[in-house]
């Protein structure tokens, strides 16, 4: 490693660990905070936890608790159960965008903690944790896979190994810009299991940042 590279690495470590300590300022509004936690009291009170009525199958928020909501009934049969920590509302939606598009990797730590709380609260149990993959080209462009950061953070907190089990085989359009039918068509044949024997008879937890139609799952 060259001297210049070492200097850059040192500065980056200081920049990431000290200047942007996630527990010095509120991760939502930027206000200075004291003590433990990632949010100030005002933002903490506004967090859209997904702790109300849900679809017992896919986990999305519903007006009343039901076994299968209209979104997943007779559709999301490839998964046994889905759960999410938050509803996709501000300030959570802004944090997710920051993690995905603004290189704010530290946000993964915040979400990993919430995911672990959801895991234990729902008495979830699995043999292995994995994540929704990106193509090599897309990951190079973003410099990391945000879903992998979430999965690895969750893995450390719940004591279940995180492994690379899936591969994305083709580039796809951004799901956020598509309607329901287009989302399913967009991802048709886009993923494959790397080693089917390695997960035979195992319970696998797949981590992603957002679920809308459930097409990725």
C-alpha atoms as a PDB file:
ATOM      1  CA  UNK A   1       0.000   0.000   0.000  1.00  0.00           C
ATOM      2  CA  UNK A   2       1.468   3.390  -1.036  1.00  0.00           C
ATOM      3  CA  UNK A   3       1.985   6.244   1.423  1.00  0.00           C
ATOM      4  CA  UNK A   4      -0.760   8.318  -0.251  1.00  0.00           C
ATOM      5  CA  UNK A   5      -3.194   5.385  -0.054  1.00  0.00           C
ATOM      6  CA  UNK A   6      -2.416   4.933   3.647  1.00  0.00           C
ATOM      7  CA  UNK A   7      -3.080   8.636   4.290  1.00  0.00           C
ATOM      8  CA  UNK A   8      -6.399   8.443   2.421  1.00  0.00           C
ATOM      9  CA  UNK A   9      -7.407   5.346   4.381  1.00  0.00           C
ATOM     10  CA  UNK A  10      -6.509   7.023   7.685  1.00  0.00           C
ATOM     11  CA  UNK A  11      -8.512  10.146   6.853  1.00  0.00           C
ATOM     12  CA  UNK A  12     -11.498   8.050   5.754  1.00  0.00           C
ATOM     13  CA  UNK A  13     -11.466   6.094   9.031  1.00  0.00           C
ATOM     14  CA  UNK A  14     -11.367   9.304  11.060  1.00  0.00           C
ATOM     15  CA  UNK A  15     -14.096  10.808   8.889  1.00  0.00           C
ATOM     16  CA  UNK A  16     -16.392   7.805   9.194  1.00  0.00           C
ATOM     17  CA  UNK A  17     -15.844   6.901  12.840  1.00  0.00           C
ATOM     18  CA  UNK A  18     -15.390  10.247  14.559  1.00  0.00           C
ATOM     19  CA  UNK A  19     -16.911  13.083  12.573  1.00  0.00           C
ATOM     20  CA  UNK A  20     -20.022  11.071  11.827  1.00  0.00           C
ATOM     21  CA  UNK A  21     -20.605   9.189  15.032  1.00  0.00           C
ATOM     22  CA  UNK A  22     -24.248   8.119  14.610  1.00  0.00           C
ATOM     23  CA  UNK A  23     -24.961   8.689  18.285  1.00  0.00           C
ATOM     24  CA  UNK A  24     -23.864  12.344  18.395  1.00  0.00           C
ATOM     25  CA  UNK A  25     -26.639  13.704  16.211  1.00  0.00           C
ATOM     26  CA  UNK A  26     -30.169  12.636  15.362  1.00  0.00           C
ATOM     27  CA  UNK A  27     -30.058  10.455  12.255  1.00  0.00           C
ATOM     28  CA  UNK A  28     -33.349  11.942  11.049  1.00  0.00           C
ATOM     29  CA  UNK A  29     -33.128  15.695  11.680  1.00  0.00           C
ATOM     30  CA  UNK A  30     -29.432  16.214  12.512  1.00  0.00           C
ATOM     31  CA  UNK A  31     -30.109  17.784  15.912  1.00  0.00           C
ATOM     32  CA  UNK A  32     -27.427  17.188  18.539  1.00  0.00           C
ATOM     33  CA  UNK A  33     -28.406  14.485  21.006  1.00  0.00           C
ATOM     34  CA  UNK A  34     -27.025  13.213  24.280  1.00  0.00           C
ATOM     35  CA  UNK A  35     -26.907   9.684  25.626  1.00  0.00           C
ATOM     36  CA  UNK A  36     -27.651   6.467  23.750  1.00  0.00           C
ATOM     37  CA  UNK A  37     -29.821   6.104  20.679  1.00  0.00           C
ATOM     38  CA  UNK A  38     -29.898   7.287  17.086  1.00  0.00           C
ATOM     39  CA  UNK A  39     -32.770   9.789  17.237  1.00  0.00           C
ATOM     40  CA  UNK A  40     -33.813  12.828  19.229  1.00  0.00           C
ATOM     41  CA  UNK A  41     -36.966  12.505  21.340  1.00  0.00           C
ATOM     42  CA  UNK A  42     -39.125  14.323  18.771  1.00  0.00           C
ATOM     43  CA  UNK A  43     -38.072  12.129  15.833  1.00  0.00           C
ATOM     44  CA  UNK A  44     -38.182   8.982  17.940  1.00  0.00           C
ATOM     45  CA  UNK A  45     -41.832   9.708  18.683  1.00  0.00           C
ATOM     46  CA  UNK A  46     -42.530  10.035  14.938  1.00  0.00           C
ATOM     47  CA  UNK A  47     -40.889   6.805  13.781  1.00  0.00           C
ATOM     48  CA  UNK A  48     -43.467   4.799  11.771  1.00  0.00           C
ATOM     49  CA  UNK A  49     -43.020   1.436  13.484  1.00  0.00           C
ATOM     50  CA  UNK A  50     -44.927  -1.361  11.790  1.00  0.00           C
ATOM     51  CA  UNK A  51     -46.331  -2.556  15.115  1.00  0.00           C
ATOM     52  CA  UNK A  52     -50.060  -2.255  14.497  1.00  0.00           C
ATOM     53  CA  UNK A  53     -52.422  -4.459  12.487  1.00  0.00           C
ATOM     54  CA  UNK A  54     -50.618  -6.481   9.822  1.00  0.00           C
ATOM     55  CA  UNK A  55     -51.107  -9.217   7.275  1.00  0.00           C
ATOM     56  CA  UNK A  56     -49.932 -12.312   9.136  1.00  0.00           C
ATOM     57  CA  UNK A  57     -48.393 -13.674   5.936  1.00  0.00           C
ATOM     58  CA  UNK A  58     -46.465 -10.828   4.285  1.00  0.00           C
ATOM     59  CA  UNK A  59     -46.277  -8.499   7.296  1.00  0.00           C
ATOM     60  CA  UNK A  60     -47.477  -5.298   5.636  1.00  0.00           C
ATOM     61  CA  UNK A  61     -49.605  -2.855   7.624  1.00  0.00           C
ATOM     62  CA  UNK A  62     -53.365  -3.396   7.211  1.00  0.00           C
ATOM     63  CA  UNK A  63     -56.515  -1.793   8.585  1.00  0.00           C
ATOM     64  CA  UNK A  64     -57.224  -4.921  10.553  1.00  0.00           C
ATOM     65  CA  UNK A  65     -55.192  -8.053  11.223  1.00  0.00           C
ATOM     66  CA  UNK A  66     -55.806 -10.655   8.540  1.00  0.00           C
ATOM     67  CA  UNK A  67     -54.293 -13.953   7.456  1.00  0.00           C
ATOM     68  CA  UNK A  68     -53.714 -12.874   3.857  1.00  0.00           C
ATOM     69  CA  UNK A  69     -54.057  -9.311   2.573  1.00  0.00           C
ATOM     70  CA  UNK A  70     -55.204  -8.524  -0.954  1.00  0.00           C
ATOM     71  CA  UNK A  71     -51.613  -7.886  -2.037  1.00  0.00           C
ATOM     72  CA  UNK A  72     -50.290 -11.339  -1.155  1.00  0.00           C
ATOM     73  CA  UNK A  73     -53.350 -13.590  -1.306  1.00  0.00           C
ATOM     74  CA  UNK A  74     -52.691 -16.361  -3.850  1.00  0.00           C
ATOM     75  CA  UNK A  75     -49.584 -14.463  -5.016  1.00  0.00           C
ATOM     76  CA  UNK A  76     -46.731 -14.397  -2.497  1.00  0.00           C
ATOM     77  CA  UNK A  77     -46.702 -18.155  -2.054  1.00  0.00           C
ATOM     78  CA  UNK A  78     -42.915 -18.500  -2.427  1.00  0.00           C
ATOM     79  CA  UNK A  79     -42.338 -17.161   1.083  1.00  0.00           C
ATOM     80  CA  UNK A  80     -43.546 -18.533   4.417  1.00  0.00           C
ATOM     81  CA  UNK A  81     -43.625 -15.257   6.332  1.00  0.00           C
ATOM     82  CA  UNK A  82     -42.553 -11.661   5.836  1.00  0.00           C
ATOM     83  CA  UNK A  83     -41.963  -9.016   8.487  1.00  0.00           C
ATOM     84  CA  UNK A  84     -40.787  -5.404   8.466  1.00  0.00           C
ATOM     85  CA  UNK A  85     -39.689  -3.063  11.233  1.00  0.00           C
ATOM     86  CA  UNK A  86     -41.179   0.122   9.781  1.00  0.00           C
ATOM     87  CA  UNK A  87     -43.773   1.414   7.371  1.00  0.00           C
ATOM     88  CA  UNK A  88     -42.295   3.250   4.400  1.00  0.00           C
ATOM     89  CA  UNK A  89     -42.941   6.767   5.671  1.00  0.00           C
ATOM     90  CA  UNK A  90     -40.721   9.687   6.707  1.00  0.00           C
ATOM     91  CA  UNK A  91     -38.215   9.844   8.243  1.00  0.00           C
ATOM     92  CA  UNK A  92     -37.561   6.129   7.551  1.00  0.00           C
ATOM     93  CA  UNK A  93     -38.082   6.487   3.790  1.00  0.00           C
ATOM     94  CA  UNK A  94     -35.472   9.268   3.689  1.00  0.00           C
ATOM     95  CA  UNK A  95     -32.983   7.147   5.637  1.00  0.00           C
ATOM     96  CA  UNK A  96     -33.462   4.223   3.253  1.00  0.00           C
ATOM     97  CA  UNK A  97     -32.766   6.478   0.272  1.00  0.00           C
ATOM     98  CA  UNK A  98     -29.680   7.794   2.031  1.00  0.00           C
ATOM     99  CA  UNK A  99     -28.414   4.242   2.568  1.00  0.00           C
ATOM    100  CA  UNK A 100     -29.123   3.191  -1.023  1.00  0.00           C
ATOM    101  CA  UNK A 101     -28.160   6.224  -3.059  1.00  0.00           C
ATOM    102  CA  UNK A 102     -26.067   8.610  -0.942  1.00  0.00           C
ATOM    103  CA  UNK A 103     -23.390   6.184   0.335  1.00  0.00           C
ATOM    104  CA  UNK A 104     -24.513   6.625   3.952  1.00  0.00           C
ATOM    105  CA  UNK A 105     -23.469   3.136   5.006  1.00  0.00           C
ATOM    106  CA  UNK A 106     -23.709   3.984   8.701  1.00  0.00           C
ATOM    107  CA  UNK A 107     -27.521   3.926   8.369  1.00  0.00           C
ATOM    108  CA  UNK A 108     -27.339   0.130   8.015  1.00  0.00           C
ATOM    109  CA  UNK A 109     -26.324  -0.044  11.686  1.00  0.00           C
ATOM    110  CA  UNK A 110     -29.518   1.748  12.704  1.00  0.00           C
ATOM    111  CA  UNK A 111     -31.748  -0.535  10.663  1.00  0.00           C
ATOM    112  CA  UNK A 112     -29.889  -3.690  11.708  1.00  0.00           C
ATOM    113  CA  UNK A 113     -30.750  -2.941  15.320  1.00  0.00           C
ATOM    114  CA  UNK A 114     -34.425  -2.482  14.450  1.00  0.00           C
ATOM    115  CA  UNK A 115     -34.407  -5.665  12.356  1.00  0.00           C
ATOM    116  CA  UNK A 116     -33.019  -7.663  15.264  1.00  0.00           C
ATOM    117  CA  UNK A 117     -35.791  -6.318  17.514  1.00  0.00           C
ATOM    118  CA  UNK A 118     -38.347  -7.423  14.911  1.00  0.00           C
ATOM    119  CA  UNK A 119     -36.682 -10.833  14.654  1.00  0.00           C
ATOM    120  CA  UNK A 120     -36.915 -11.523  18.382  1.00  0.00           C
ATOM    121  CA  UNK A 121     -40.333  -9.901  18.816  1.00  0.00           C
ATOM    122  CA  UNK A 122     -41.836 -12.225  16.210  1.00  0.00           C
ATOM    123  CA  UNK A 123     -40.127 -15.319  17.634  1.00  0.00           C
ATOM    124  CA  UNK A 124     -38.449 -15.840  14.300  1.00  0.00           C
ATOM    125  CA  UNK A 125     -35.946 -18.640  13.828  1.00  0.00           C
ATOM    126  CA  UNK A 126     -33.802 -19.587  10.855  1.00  0.00           C
ATOM    127  CA  UNK A 127     -30.730 -21.626   9.949  1.00  0.00           C
ATOM    128  CA  UNK A 128     -29.101 -19.011   7.773  1.00  0.00           C
ATOM    129  CA  UNK A 129     -29.504 -15.366   6.743  1.00  0.00           C
ATOM    130  CA  UNK A 130     -28.911 -14.110   3.226  1.00  0.00           C
ATOM    131  CA  UNK A 131     -29.764 -10.989   1.223  1.00  0.00           C
ATOM    132  CA  UNK A 132     -31.115  -9.831  -2.117  1.00  0.00           C
ATOM    133  CA  UNK A 133     -28.090  -9.660  -4.442  1.00  0.00           C
ATOM    134  CA  UNK A 134     -27.016  -7.033  -6.962  1.00  0.00           C
ATOM    135  CA  UNK A 135     -25.198  -7.623 -10.226  1.00  0.00           C
ATOM    136  CA  UNK A 136     -21.440  -7.134 -10.049  1.00  0.00           C
ATOM    137  CA  UNK A 137     -21.749  -4.040 -12.252  1.00  0.00           C
ATOM    138  CA  UNK A 138     -24.430  -2.430 -10.061  1.00  0.00           C
ATOM    139  CA  UNK A 139     -22.506  -3.197  -6.885  1.00  0.00           C
ATOM    140  CA  UNK A 140     -19.308  -1.668  -8.274  1.00  0.00           C
ATOM    141  CA  UNK A 141     -21.231   1.477  -9.142  1.00  0.00           C
ATOM    142  CA  UNK A 142     -22.797   1.773  -5.674  1.00  0.00           C
ATOM    143  CA  UNK A 143     -19.590   0.473  -4.012  1.00  0.00           C
ATOM    144  CA  UNK A 144     -21.541  -1.852  -1.718  1.00  0.00           C
ATOM    145  CA  UNK A 145     -24.743  -3.869  -1.447  1.00  0.00           C
ATOM    146  CA  UNK A 146     -26.954  -2.162   1.127  1.00  0.00           C
ATOM    147  CA  UNK A 147     -29.031  -5.335   1.647  1.00  0.00           C
ATOM    148  CA  UNK A 148     -25.853  -7.222   2.519  1.00  0.00           C
ATOM    149  CA  UNK A 149     -24.936  -4.593   5.124  1.00  0.00           C
ATOM    150  CA  UNK A 150     -28.366  -5.030   6.712  1.00  0.00           C
ATOM    151  CA  UNK A 151     -28.118  -8.821   6.648  1.00  0.00           C
ATOM    152  CA  UNK A 152     -24.624  -8.872   8.145  1.00  0.00           C
ATOM    153  CA  UNK A 153     -25.657  -6.450  10.875  1.00  0.00           C
ATOM    154  CA  UNK A 154     -28.696  -8.578  11.691  1.00  0.00           C
ATOM    155  CA  UNK A 155     -26.546 -11.716  11.679  1.00  0.00           C
ATOM    156  CA  UNK A 156     -24.219 -10.324  14.349  1.00  0.00           C
ATOM    157  CA  UNK A 157     -27.121  -9.359  16.585  1.00  0.00           C
ATOM    158  CA  UNK A 158     -29.125 -12.588  16.419  1.00  0.00           C
ATOM    159  CA  UNK A 159     -26.271 -15.089  16.191  1.00  0.00           C
ATOM    160  CA  UNK A 160     -27.291 -16.671  12.886  1.00  0.00           C
ATOM    161  CA  UNK A 161     -24.677 -16.972  10.093  1.00  0.00           C
ATOM    162  CA  UNK A 162     -25.001 -14.733   7.023  1.00  0.00           C
ATOM    163  CA  UNK A 163     -24.040 -16.357   3.722  1.00  0.00           C
ATOM    164  CA  UNK A 164     -24.032 -15.449   0.044  1.00  0.00           C
ATOM    165  CA  UNK A 165     -26.679 -17.797  -1.327  1.00  0.00           C
ATOM    166  CA  UNK A 166     -28.170 -15.877  -4.241  1.00  0.00           C
ATOM    167  CA  UNK A 167     -26.912 -14.345  -7.464  1.00  0.00           C
ATOM    168  CA  UNK A 168     -28.516 -11.740  -9.694  1.00  0.00           C
ATOM    169  CA  UNK A 169     -28.104 -12.924 -13.254  1.00  0.00           C
ATOM    170  CA  UNK A 170     -29.116  -9.843 -15.234  1.00  0.00           C
ATOM    171  CA  UNK A 171     -29.461  -6.084 -14.996  1.00  0.00           C
ATOM    172  CA  UNK A 172     -33.006  -4.886 -14.325  1.00  0.00           C
ATOM    173  CA  UNK A 173     -34.811  -1.568 -14.243  1.00  0.00           C
ATOM    174  CA  UNK A 174     -35.409   0.140 -10.890  1.00  0.00           C
ATOM    175  CA  UNK A 175     -38.502  -1.374  -9.297  1.00  0.00           C
ATOM    176  CA  UNK A 176     -39.600   1.971  -7.840  1.00  0.00           C
ATOM    177  CA  UNK A 177     -40.378   3.291 -11.327  1.00  0.00           C
ATOM    178  CA  UNK A 178     -42.613   0.357 -12.329  1.00  0.00           C
ATOM    179  CA  UNK A 179     -46.203  -0.698 -11.663  1.00  0.00           C
ATOM    180  CA  UNK A 180     -47.103  -4.059 -10.136  1.00  0.00           C
ATOM    181  CA  UNK A 181     -47.200  -6.185 -13.299  1.00  0.00           C
ATOM    182  CA  UNK A 182     -44.055  -4.518 -14.637  1.00  0.00           C
ATOM    183  CA  UNK A 183     -42.211  -5.269 -11.392  1.00  0.00           C
ATOM    184  CA  UNK A 184     -42.912  -8.990 -11.634  1.00  0.00           C
ATOM    185  CA  UNK A 185     -41.959  -9.083 -15.315  1.00  0.00           C
ATOM    186  CA  UNK A 186     -38.825  -7.030 -14.640  1.00  0.00           C
ATOM    187  CA  UNK A 187     -37.500  -9.574 -12.124  1.00  0.00           C
ATOM    188  CA  UNK A 188     -38.582 -12.727 -13.944  1.00  0.00           C
ATOM    189  CA  UNK A 189     -35.539 -14.992 -14.095  1.00  0.00           C
ATOM    190  CA  UNK A 190     -33.301 -12.345 -12.508  1.00  0.00           C
ATOM    191  CA  UNK A 191     -32.118 -14.431  -9.524  1.00  0.00           C
ATOM    192  CA  UNK A 192     -30.716 -17.887  -8.992  1.00  0.00           C
ATOM    193  CA  UNK A 193     -29.536 -19.967  -6.046  1.00  0.00           C
ATOM    194  CA  UNK A 194     -25.763 -20.416  -6.079  1.00  0.00           C
ATOM    195  CA  UNK A 195     -25.743 -23.823  -4.358  1.00  0.00           C
ATOM    196  CA  UNK A 196     -29.115 -25.491  -3.828  1.00  0.00           C
ATOM    197  CA  UNK A 197     -27.609 -28.373  -1.841  1.00  0.00           C
ATOM    198  CA  UNK A 198     -26.263 -25.952   0.767  1.00  0.00           C
ATOM    199  CA  UNK A 199     -29.777 -24.847   1.736  1.00  0.00           C
ATOM    200  CA  UNK A 200     -31.647 -28.105   1.351  1.00  0.00           C
ATOM    201  CA  UNK A 201     -34.075 -28.574   4.264  1.00  0.00           C
ATOM    202  CA  UNK A 202     -32.923 -25.276   5.807  1.00  0.00           C
ATOM    203  CA  UNK A 203     -34.970 -22.282   6.886  1.00  0.00           C
ATOM    204  CA  UNK A 204     -33.600 -19.196   5.104  1.00  0.00           C
ATOM    205  CA  UNK A 205     -34.230 -15.580   6.049  1.00  0.00           C
ATOM    206  CA  UNK A 206     -33.834 -13.195   3.092  1.00  0.00           C
ATOM    207  CA  UNK A 207     -33.145  -9.536   3.916  1.00  0.00           C
ATOM    208  CA  UNK A 208     -34.044  -6.578   1.698  1.00  0.00           C
ATOM    209  CA  UNK A 209     -34.614  -2.881   2.345  1.00  0.00           C
ATOM    210  CA  UNK A 210     -38.191  -2.414   1.108  1.00  0.00           C
ATOM    211  CA  UNK A 211     -41.124  -4.582   0.124  1.00  0.00           C
ATOM    212  CA  UNK A 212     -43.889  -3.119  -2.019  1.00  0.00           C
ATOM    213  CA  UNK A 213     -45.515  -5.709  -4.269  1.00  0.00           C
ATOM    214  CA  UNK A 214     -43.399  -8.602  -3.026  1.00  0.00           C
ATOM    215  CA  UNK A 215     -42.026  -9.237  -6.524  1.00  0.00           C
ATOM    216  CA  UNK A 216     -38.425  -9.547  -5.331  1.00  0.00           C
ATOM    217  CA  UNK A 217     -39.390 -12.112  -2.687  1.00  0.00           C
END
